[in-house]
């Protein structure tokens, strides 16, 4: 008896049998065709590799035409074509050729387990400078990030202009699309690459295949480390009032309030002269104070009294004098007195013995 879980799982190394003429012996009823344009700079390369393209498609009984005047490539089915999906693969082939993918990689699209995905990234970012930075982040320094992504997904990836062309197995294409879209949303591809590396290691363990991998996968959270700089001058909106602001007072209103309006011309002139003289007196006073500052002596520092020498340790002067006298009597290199006496006694004993 075979369990239901075993029936639902696909065994390792299993492949779907290829589609042969026996599966569709009568062929197709109608002729199908697809055409695509290519840029001018691809014309020279397509001229060189077009015989190889025709040879690869002829094995699946699909015709290919290159029109250099219109700048287009066309693929059509024939009466001998038995695989209905062959024309779809041929359409993808000419699309990839138009997007600068080399023929060495393109001809793999004709295999059953290989597909392609063209991801449009031009409209995902508004600013052109930001778009170029994020597209460069997808490539990485010297193409290292793109190479790591190709190794983990088993896909060939081509970043060209406003599109990303990917060619490989279905599971790998799904991961490539996710990484590309996240990168254009300002999520660094290194986070997705780390997740793919962990998944690759977990898939090798047969016990973990039927379990959830969420506990092993890292969870990255966005951190806004830099706060937005606040402007020095903040423009605060005033409260809305339906009434207009009060009109500023005119010169006549001010004179009426102070009583100057009713003075005569002589009195007004006399008052103006007095105000001018008062201002001049203030200016002279300030100027005099500034000049007198040079004659003010600076503040002297307070005198610090010298501390008396501590008389706690008394020095014996007499003992020092005696030591100096004894040192003067001695000759340099002379023996001490006791040793001299002992030496003299020994010499006398020797003489007596003789």
Foldseek 3Di string as FASTA:
>chain_A
DDDPVVVPDDDPPDDDDDDDCVNFVQADDDKDKDKDAADPVLVVVCVVCVVVLQVLLVVQQKGWDADPVRRMIMIMHDSPHRDPCSRVLNNVLRVVSRQVDDPVQSSCSNDPQKHKDKAFQQPLDDDPVLSVVLLDLCCPDVSPNVVLLCVLLVWDWDDGDRIIMIMGGPVSVVLVNVLSSVSSVVDGSVLSSVQSVQVVVQVVDPVCPPPDCPVVRDDDDDDDPDDDDDDPDDDDDDDDDPDDDDDDDDPCRVCVVVVVNPDDPVVVVVVVVVVVVVVVVVVVVVVVVVVCVVVDDDDDDDDDDDDDDDPPDPDDPVVVVVVVVVVVPDDPPDDDPVVVVVVVVVVVVVVVVD
